[in-house]
Amino acid sequence: MKNIVEFLSKKNHIFKRLHNIDPKLLNSRKKIEIFEGVDIKSNYTAIFKVDQKSRFVTKNAYEIEILLEKLIKLKQHNYKKKILLISSPLCSKARDYLKELKWKIYEDRI
């Protein structure tokens, strides 16, 4: 988690609280890390870290959005910001879909 905090602080995302959410709570078997953060202005942020070797395609983007909806139901509130940290190549259609839904995407090895 320290790597994620340092990476996000370099991108001007500073959090008062940041804690991990188990993907099993969202009935997900994917290899994904999910974090919930509260920034300095008390805005809630959902952070999804995907580490896969294959290309991140539109199907994966739909699955991330479904996981976000489950997270909203679990925590019973909306998230002002949504961040996707990804280490694999990203399909342009998936990027456009997520940008349309106001996701902040960072393609870096974390």
N, C-alpha and C. Protein backbone atom coordinates (compact mmCIF):
# COMPACT_ATOMS: atom_id res chain seq x y z
N MET A 1 0.83 -1.19 0.00
CA MET A 1 0.00 0.00 0.00
C MET A 1 0.88 1.25 0.00
N LYS A 2 2.07 1.14 0.57
CA LYS A 2 2.97 2.29 0.62
C LYS A 2 3.31 2.78 -0.78
N ASN A 3 3.53 1.85 -1.71
CA ASN A 3 3.84 2.22 -3.09
C ASN A 3 2.70 3.01 -3.72
N ILE A 4 1.49 2.60 -3.44
CA ILE A 4 0.32 3.28 -4.01
C ILE A 4 0.18 4.68 -3.43
N VAL A 5 0.39 4.81 -2.13
CA VAL A 5 0.29 6.12 -1.48
C VAL A 5 1.33 7.07 -2.06
N GLU A 6 2.57 6.60 -2.23
CA GLU A 6 3.62 7.43 -2.78
C GLU A 6 3.33 7.81 -4.23
N PHE A 7 2.87 6.85 -5.02
CA PHE A 7 2.55 7.12 -6.42
C PHE A 7 1.43 8.16 -6.53
N LEU A 8 0.36 7.98 -5.76
CA LEU A 8 -0.76 8.91 -5.83
C LEU A 8 -0.40 10.29 -5.29
N SER A 9 0.47 10.36 -4.31
CA SER A 9 0.88 11.66 -3.80
C SER A 9 1.69 12.43 -4.85
N LYS A 10 2.44 11.72 -5.68
CA LYS A 10 3.15 12.37 -6.79
C LYS A 10 2.17 12.92 -7.82
N LYS A 11 1.01 12.29 -7.93
CA LYS A 11 -0.04 12.73 -8.87
C LYS A 11 -1.03 13.69 -8.21
N ASN A 12 -0.66 14.22 -7.03
CA ASN A 12 -1.48 15.20 -6.28
C ASN A 12 -2.79 14.64 -5.76
N HIS A 13 -2.80 13.38 -5.39
CA HIS A 13 -3.93 12.75 -4.72
C HIS A 13 -3.46 12.40 -3.31
N ILE A 14 -3.81 13.23 -2.35
CA ILE A 14 -3.35 13.03 -0.97
C ILE A 14 -4.56 12.65 -0.12
N PHE A 15 -4.39 11.58 0.67
CA PHE A 15 -5.50 11.03 1.44
C PHE A 15 -5.26 11.12 2.94
N LYS A 16 -6.34 11.43 3.67
CA LYS A 16 -6.30 11.37 5.13
C LYS A 16 -6.37 9.92 5.58
N ARG A 17 -7.26 9.17 4.92
CA ARG A 17 -7.44 7.75 5.22
C ARG A 17 -7.43 6.97 3.92
N LEU A 18 -6.85 5.80 3.97
CA LEU A 18 -6.84 4.90 2.82
C LEU A 18 -6.84 3.49 3.37
N HIS A 19 -7.87 2.72 3.03
CA HIS A 19 -7.87 1.34 3.50
C HIS A 19 -8.28 0.39 2.38
N ASN A 20 -7.81 -0.83 2.52
CA ASN A 20 -8.00 -1.88 1.53
C ASN A 20 -9.38 -2.53 1.71
N ILE A 21 -10.01 -2.87 0.60
CA ILE A 21 -11.29 -3.58 0.61
C ILE A 21 -11.07 -4.92 -0.07
N ASP A 22 -11.48 -5.97 0.59
CA ASP A 22 -11.30 -7.32 0.06
C ASP A 22 -12.24 -7.53 -1.13
N PRO A 23 -11.71 -7.93 -2.31
CA PRO A 23 -12.56 -8.16 -3.48
C PRO A 23 -13.61 -9.26 -3.25
N LYS A 24 -13.36 -10.15 -2.29
CA LYS A 24 -14.33 -11.21 -2.02
C LYS A 24 -15.63 -10.64 -1.45
N LEU A 25 -15.56 -9.48 -0.81
CA LEU A 25 -16.78 -8.83 -0.32
C LEU A 25 -17.69 -8.41 -1.48
N LEU A 26 -17.09 -8.21 -2.66
CA LEU A 26 -17.85 -7.82 -3.85
C LEU A 26 -18.11 -9.01 -4.77
N ASN A 27 -17.89 -10.21 -4.24
CA ASN A 27 -18.06 -11.46 -4.99
C ASN A 27 -17.20 -11.48 -6.26
N SER A 28 -15.96 -11.03 -6.12
CA SER A 28 -15.05 -11.00 -7.26
C SER A 28 -13.92 -11.99 -7.02
N ARG A 29 -13.56 -12.72 -8.07
CA ARG A 29 -12.44 -13.64 -7.99
C ARG A 29 -11.26 -13.09 -8.78
N LYS A 30 -11.37 -11.87 -9.23
CA LYS A 30 -10.31 -11.25 -10.02
C LYS A 30 -9.11 -10.90 -9.16
N LYS A 31 -7.95 -10.85 -9.81
CA LYS A 31 -6.74 -10.40 -9.13
C LYS A 31 -6.72 -8.87 -9.22
N ILE A 32 -7.33 -8.27 -8.23
CA ILE A 32 -7.48 -6.83 -8.22
C ILE A 32 -7.35 -6.35 -6.78
N GLU A 33 -6.81 -5.17 -6.63
CA GLU A 33 -6.76 -4.55 -5.30
C GLU A 33 -7.71 -3.36 -5.33
N ILE A 34 -8.51 -3.25 -4.29
CA ILE A 34 -9.49 -2.17 -4.20
C ILE A 34 -9.23 -1.38 -2.93
N PHE A 35 -9.19 -0.08 -3.07
CA PHE A 35 -8.95 0.80 -1.93
C PHE A 35 -10.03 1.86 -1.88
N GLU A 36 -10.30 2.30 -0.66
CA GLU A 36 -11.22 3.41 -0.45
C GLU A 36 -10.45 4.48 0.29
N GLY A 37 -10.43 5.68 -0.28
CA GLY A 37 -9.68 6.76 0.33
C GLY A 37 -10.54 7.97 0.59
N VAL A 38 -10.16 8.73 1.61
CA VAL A 38 -10.81 10.00 1.92
C VAL A 38 -9.73 11.06 1.81
N ASP A 39 -9.94 12.02 0.90
CA ASP A 39 -8.91 13.03 0.70
C ASP A 39 -9.05 14.18 1.69
N ILE A 40 -8.22 15.18 1.54
CA ILE A 40 -8.17 16.30 2.48
C ILE A 40 -9.49 17.07 2.52
N LYS A 41 -10.19 17.12 1.40
CA LYS A 41 -11.47 17.83 1.33
C LYS A 41 -12.65 16.94 1.71
N SER A 42 -12.38 15.78 2.28
CA SER A 42 -13.37 14.79 2.72
C SER A 42 -14.19 14.21 1.58
N ASN A 43 -13.60 14.14 0.39
CA ASN A 43 -14.22 13.46 -0.74
C ASN A 43 -13.79 12.01 -0.76
N TYR A 44 -14.72 11.13 -1.02
CA TYR A 44 -14.41 9.71 -1.08
C TYR A 44 -13.91 9.34 -2.48
N THR A 45 -12.90 8.49 -2.51
CA THR A 45 -12.28 8.07 -3.76
C THR A 45 -12.21 6.56 -3.79
N ALA A 46 -12.61 5.96 -4.91
CA ALA A 46 -12.46 4.52 -5.13
C ALA A 46 -11.23 4.31 -6.00
N ILE A 47 -10.33 3.44 -5.55
CA ILE A 47 -9.10 3.18 -6.27
C ILE A 47 -9.04 1.69 -6.59
N PHE A 48 -8.90 1.39 -7.87
CA PHE A 48 -8.80 0.01 -8.34
C PHE A 48 -7.42 -0.17 -8.94
N LYS A 49 -6.67 -1.16 -8.45
CA LYS A 49 -5.35 -1.46 -8.99
C LYS A 49 -5.41 -2.82 -9.67
N VAL A 50 -5.22 -2.81 -10.98
CA VAL A 50 -5.30 -4.03 -11.79
C VAL A 50 -3.89 -4.37 -12.27
N ASP A 51 -3.47 -5.58 -11.97
CA ASP A 51 -2.15 -6.03 -12.39
C ASP A 51 -2.34 -7.32 -13.18
N GLN A 52 -2.31 -7.18 -14.50
CA GLN A 52 -2.48 -8.34 -15.36
C GLN A 52 -1.48 -8.25 -16.50
N LYS A 53 -1.23 -9.37 -17.14
CA LYS A 53 -0.25 -9.39 -18.22
C LYS A 53 -0.88 -9.10 -19.57
N SER A 54 -2.13 -9.49 -19.74
CA SER A 54 -2.78 -9.29 -21.02
C SER A 54 -3.37 -7.88 -21.13
N ARG A 55 -3.75 -7.52 -22.32
CA ARG A 55 -4.30 -6.20 -22.59
C ARG A 55 -5.61 -5.98 -21.84
N PHE A 56 -5.80 -4.79 -21.33
CA PHE A 56 -7.03 -4.41 -20.64
C PHE A 56 -8.01 -3.93 -21.70
N VAL A 57 -9.04 -4.74 -21.95
CA VAL A 57 -9.99 -4.45 -23.03
C VAL A 57 -11.32 -3.95 -22.47
N THR A 58 -12.25 -3.65 -23.36
CA THR A 58 -13.54 -3.08 -22.98
C THR A 58 -14.29 -3.99 -22.02
N LYS A 59 -14.19 -5.29 -22.21
CA LYS A 59 -14.85 -6.24 -21.30
C LYS A 59 -14.37 -6.02 -19.87
N ASN A 60 -13.07 -5.82 -19.69
CA ASN A 60 -12.52 -5.56 -18.36
C ASN A 60 -13.03 -4.23 -17.80
N ALA A 61 -13.20 -3.25 -18.66
CA ALA A 61 -13.72 -1.94 -18.22
C ALA A 61 -15.15 -2.09 -17.71
N TYR A 62 -15.97 -2.88 -18.41
CA TYR A 62 -17.34 -3.13 -17.94
C TYR A 62 -17.31 -3.82 -16.58
N GLU A 63 -16.41 -4.79 -16.41
CA GLU A 63 -16.32 -5.51 -15.13
C GLU A 63 -15.89 -4.58 -13.99
N ILE A 64 -14.99 -3.65 -14.27
CA ILE A 64 -14.56 -2.68 -13.26
C ILE A 64 -15.74 -1.81 -12.86
N GLU A 65 -16.53 -1.41 -13.82
CA GLU A 65 -17.70 -0.56 -13.52
C GLU A 65 -18.73 -1.34 -12.69
N ILE A 66 -18.90 -2.62 -12.96
CA ILE A 66 -19.81 -3.45 -12.16
C ILE A 66 -19.29 -3.59 -10.73
N LEU A 67 -17.97 -3.77 -10.59
CA LEU A 67 -17.38 -3.85 -9.24
C LEU A 67 -17.58 -2.53 -8.49
N LEU A 68 -17.49 -1.41 -9.20
CA LEU A 68 -17.72 -0.12 -8.56
C LEU A 68 -19.16 -0.01 -8.06
N GLU A 69 -20.11 -0.46 -8.87
CA GLU A 69 -21.52 -0.43 -8.46
C GLU A 69 -21.74 -1.29 -7.22
N LYS A 70 -21.10 -2.46 -7.16
CA LYS A 70 -21.21 -3.32 -5.98
C LYS A 70 -20.58 -2.65 -4.76
N LEU A 71 -19.47 -1.95 -4.97
CA LEU A 71 -18.81 -1.23 -3.88
C LEU A 71 -19.69 -0.11 -3.35
N ILE A 72 -20.37 0.58 -4.25
CA ILE A 72 -21.29 1.66 -3.85
C ILE A 72 -22.42 1.09 -3.00
N LYS A 73 -22.95 -0.06 -3.40
CA LYS A 73 -24.02 -0.69 -2.61
C LYS A 73 -23.51 -1.18 -1.26
N LEU A 74 -22.29 -1.72 -1.24
CA LEU A 74 -21.71 -2.24 0.00
C LEU A 74 -21.45 -1.12 1.01
N LYS A 75 -20.86 -0.02 0.54
CA LYS A 75 -20.51 1.09 1.43
C LYS A 75 -21.63 2.12 1.57
N GLN A 76 -22.64 2.02 0.73
CA GLN A 76 -23.84 2.87 0.77
C GLN A 76 -23.53 4.35 0.59
N HIS A 77 -22.61 4.66 -0.30
CA HIS A 77 -22.40 6.04 -0.72
C HIS A 77 -21.66 6.08 -2.05
N ASN A 78 -21.82 7.18 -2.77
CA ASN A 78 -21.14 7.36 -4.05
C ASN A 78 -19.71 7.82 -3.83
N TYR A 79 -18.91 7.67 -4.84
CA TYR A 79 -17.53 8.11 -4.80
C TYR A 79 -17.36 9.30 -5.75
N LYS A 80 -16.80 10.37 -5.22
CA LYS A 80 -16.62 11.57 -6.02
C LYS A 80 -15.56 11.35 -7.10
N LYS A 81 -14.50 10.61 -6.75
CA LYS A 81 -13.42 10.33 -7.69
C LYS A 81 -13.25 8.83 -7.85
N LYS A 82 -12.85 8.44 -9.07
CA LYS A 82 -12.60 7.03 -9.37
C LYS A 82 -11.25 6.96 -10.08
N ILE A 83 -10.36 6.15 -9.53
CA ILE A 83 -9.01 6.04 -10.07
C ILE A 83 -8.73 4.59 -10.43
N LEU A 84 -8.16 4.40 -11.62
CA LEU A 84 -7.74 3.07 -12.07
C LEU A 84 -6.23 3.09 -12.27
N LEU A 85 -5.54 2.24 -11.54
CA LEU A 85 -4.09 2.06 -11.68
C LEU A 85 -3.89 0.76 -12.44
N ILE A 86 -3.23 0.83 -13.58
CA ILE A 86 -3.11 -0.34 -14.43
C ILE A 86 -1.68 -0.47 -14.93
N SER A 87 -1.21 -1.70 -15.00
CA SER A 87 0.17 -1.93 -15.44
C SER A 87 0.25 -2.57 -16.82
N SER A 88 -0.87 -2.98 -17.37
CA SER A 88 -0.87 -3.62 -18.69
C SER A 88 -1.28 -2.61 -19.76
N PRO A 89 -1.10 -2.96 -21.03
CA PRO A 89 -1.56 -2.07 -22.10
C PRO A 89 -3.08 -1.89 -22.04
N LEU A 90 -3.54 -0.71 -22.41
CA LEU A 90 -4.96 -0.39 -22.33
C LEU A 90 -5.52 -0.16 -23.73
N CYS A 91 -6.60 -0.85 -24.04
CA CYS A 91 -7.29 -0.71 -25.31
C CYS A 91 -7.89 0.69 -25.41
N SER A 92 -7.85 1.28 -26.60
CA SER A 92 -8.35 2.65 -26.77
C SER A 92 -9.86 2.75 -26.52
N LYS A 93 -10.61 1.72 -26.88
CA LYS A 93 -12.06 1.73 -26.63
C LYS A 93 -12.36 1.67 -25.14
N ALA A 94 -11.58 0.88 -24.40
CA ALA A 94 -11.74 0.79 -22.95
C ALA A 94 -11.38 2.13 -22.31
N ARG A 95 -10.32 2.76 -22.80
CA ARG A 95 -9.92 4.07 -22.29
C ARG A 95 -11.03 5.10 -22.51
N ASP A 96 -11.59 5.12 -23.71
CA ASP A 96 -12.67 6.07 -24.02
C ASP A 96 -13.89 5.82 -23.15
N TYR A 97 -14.23 4.56 -22.94
CA TYR A 97 -15.38 4.21 -22.11
C TYR A 97 -15.19 4.69 -20.68
N LEU A 98 -14.00 4.45 -20.12
CA LEU A 98 -13.74 4.86 -18.74
C LEU A 98 -13.63 6.38 -18.61
N LYS A 99 -13.05 7.04 -19.60
CA LYS A 99 -12.97 8.51 -19.58
C LYS A 99 -14.36 9.12 -19.62
N GLU A 100 -15.24 8.49 -20.39
CA GLU A 100 -16.63 8.96 -20.49
C GLU A 100 -17.33 8.87 -19.13
N LEU A 101 -16.95 7.88 -18.33
CA LEU A 101 -17.53 7.70 -16.99
C LEU A 101 -16.73 8.43 -15.92
N LYS A 102 -15.81 9.30 -16.34
CA LYS A 102 -15.03 10.18 -15.46
C LYS A 102 -14.05 9.42 -14.55
N TRP A 103 -13.43 8.38 -15.09
CA TRP A 103 -12.38 7.67 -14.38
C TRP A 103 -11.06 8.37 -14.66
N LYS A 104 -10.18 8.40 -13.67
CA LYS A 104 -8.82 8.88 -13.83
C LYS A 104 -7.96 7.64 -14.00
N ILE A 105 -7.23 7.54 -15.11
CA ILE A 105 -6.49 6.33 -15.44
C ILE A 105 -5.00 6.63 -15.40
N TYR A 106 -4.25 5.80 -14.67
CA TYR A 106 -2.80 5.91 -14.62
C TYR A 106 -2.21 4.59 -15.07
N GLU A 107 -1.46 4.62 -16.16
CA GLU A 107 -0.82 3.42 -16.70
C GLU A 107 0.65 3.43 -16.30
N ASP A 108 0.93 2.87 -15.14
CA ASP A 108 2.29 2.80 -14.65
C ASP A 108 2.50 1.51 -13.90
N ARG A 109 3.74 1.08 -13.85
CA ARG A 109 4.09 -0.09 -13.06
C ARG A 109 4.28 0.38 -11.62
N ILE A 110 3.39 -0.07 -10.73
CA ILE A 110 3.43 0.38 -9.33
C ILE A 110 3.88 -0.78 -8.46
